[in-house]
Amino acid sequence: MARMGEGRGAHRVLVVKPEGKRPLGRPRIRWEDNIKMDLREVGVGGDWVELARDRDRWWELVNTVMNFRVP
């Protein structure tokens, strides 16, 4: 099995103690939060992970979101 090198990000996250302070202000929006907001805008609820497993339906929704315009 391959070992994680000390320079890799996963190793630093698990082993190294973070230095400094957290940035001020609102936390950045995560990719997952954007997915949820986009699906909410087009009126799709539920678990987006389960929805993404159905590739045909997922791509149909992705195309809908990409072409969605607010009146």
Protein backbone atom coordinates (compact mmCIF):
# COMPACT_ATOMS: atom_id res chain seq x y z
CA MET A 1 0.00 0.00 0.00
CA ALA A 2 1.31 3.48 -0.85
CA ARG A 3 2.07 5.78 2.07
CA MET A 4 1.11 9.41 2.21
CA GLY A 5 4.08 11.75 1.93
CA GLU A 6 4.52 14.46 4.53
CA GLY A 7 4.08 17.18 1.91
CA ARG A 8 0.61 16.01 0.85
CA GLY A 9 -2.43 17.98 1.93
CA ALA A 10 -4.21 15.05 3.56
CA HIS A 11 -1.19 14.34 5.77
CA ARG A 12 -0.95 17.98 6.86
CA VAL A 13 -4.66 18.08 7.71
CA LEU A 14 -4.44 14.96 9.86
CA VAL A 15 -1.12 15.64 11.61
CA VAL A 16 -0.16 19.32 11.60
CA LYS A 17 -1.79 21.77 13.99
CA PRO A 18 -3.06 24.85 12.11
CA GLU A 19 -1.35 28.14 12.88
CA GLY A 20 -2.83 31.60 12.90
CA LYS A 21 -6.38 32.83 13.17
CA ARG A 22 -9.46 32.19 11.10
CA PRO A 23 -10.31 34.81 8.49
CA LEU A 24 -12.93 37.40 9.41
CA GLY A 25 -16.34 37.50 7.81
CA ARG A 26 -18.80 35.03 6.44
CA PRO A 27 -17.54 31.56 5.49
CA ARG A 28 -17.01 30.95 1.80
CA ILE A 29 -19.77 29.19 -0.06
CA ARG A 30 -18.89 25.56 -0.68
CA TRP A 31 -19.40 23.75 -3.98
CA GLU A 32 -22.07 21.58 -2.36
CA ASP A 33 -23.93 24.68 -1.14
CA ASN A 34 -24.00 26.01 -4.73
CA ILE A 35 -25.48 22.72 -5.95
CA LYS A 36 -28.23 22.87 -3.32
CA MET A 37 -29.04 26.53 -4.08
CA ASP A 38 -29.22 25.88 -7.84
CA LEU A 39 -31.53 22.90 -7.41
CA ARG A 40 -33.75 24.89 -5.04
CA GLU A 41 -34.03 27.67 -7.67
CA VAL A 42 -35.47 25.27 -10.25
CA GLY A 43 -37.79 23.68 -7.68
CA VAL A 44 -36.02 20.36 -7.09
CA GLY A 45 -35.92 19.10 -3.53
CA GLY A 46 -34.60 16.01 -1.83
CA ASP A 47 -31.20 14.40 -1.62
CA TRP A 48 -29.01 15.71 -4.46
CA VAL A 49 -26.51 12.84 -4.04
CA GLU A 50 -29.20 10.24 -4.80
CA LEU A 51 -30.36 12.42 -7.67
CA ALA A 52 -26.82 12.56 -9.10
CA ARG A 53 -26.63 8.76 -9.14
CA ASP A 54 -29.34 8.73 -11.82
CA ARG A 55 -27.09 10.13 -14.58
CA ASP A 56 -29.82 10.80 -17.13
CA ARG A 57 -31.99 12.74 -14.67
CA TRP A 58 -28.95 14.53 -13.21
CA TRP A 59 -27.77 15.82 -16.61
CA GLU A 60 -31.31 16.87 -17.46
CA LEU A 61 -31.35 18.97 -14.29
CA VAL A 62 -27.84 20.33 -14.90
CA ASN A 63 -28.91 21.53 -18.33
CA THR A 64 -32.07 23.06 -16.85
CA VAL A 65 -30.06 24.94 -14.22
CA MET A 66 -27.50 26.11 -16.78
CA ASN A 67 -30.28 27.53 -18.99
CA PHE A 68 -32.42 28.90 -16.12
CA ARG A 69 -33.08 32.62 -16.32
CA VAL A 70 -34.75 34.69 -13.64
CA PRO A 71 -37.63 36.73 -15.12
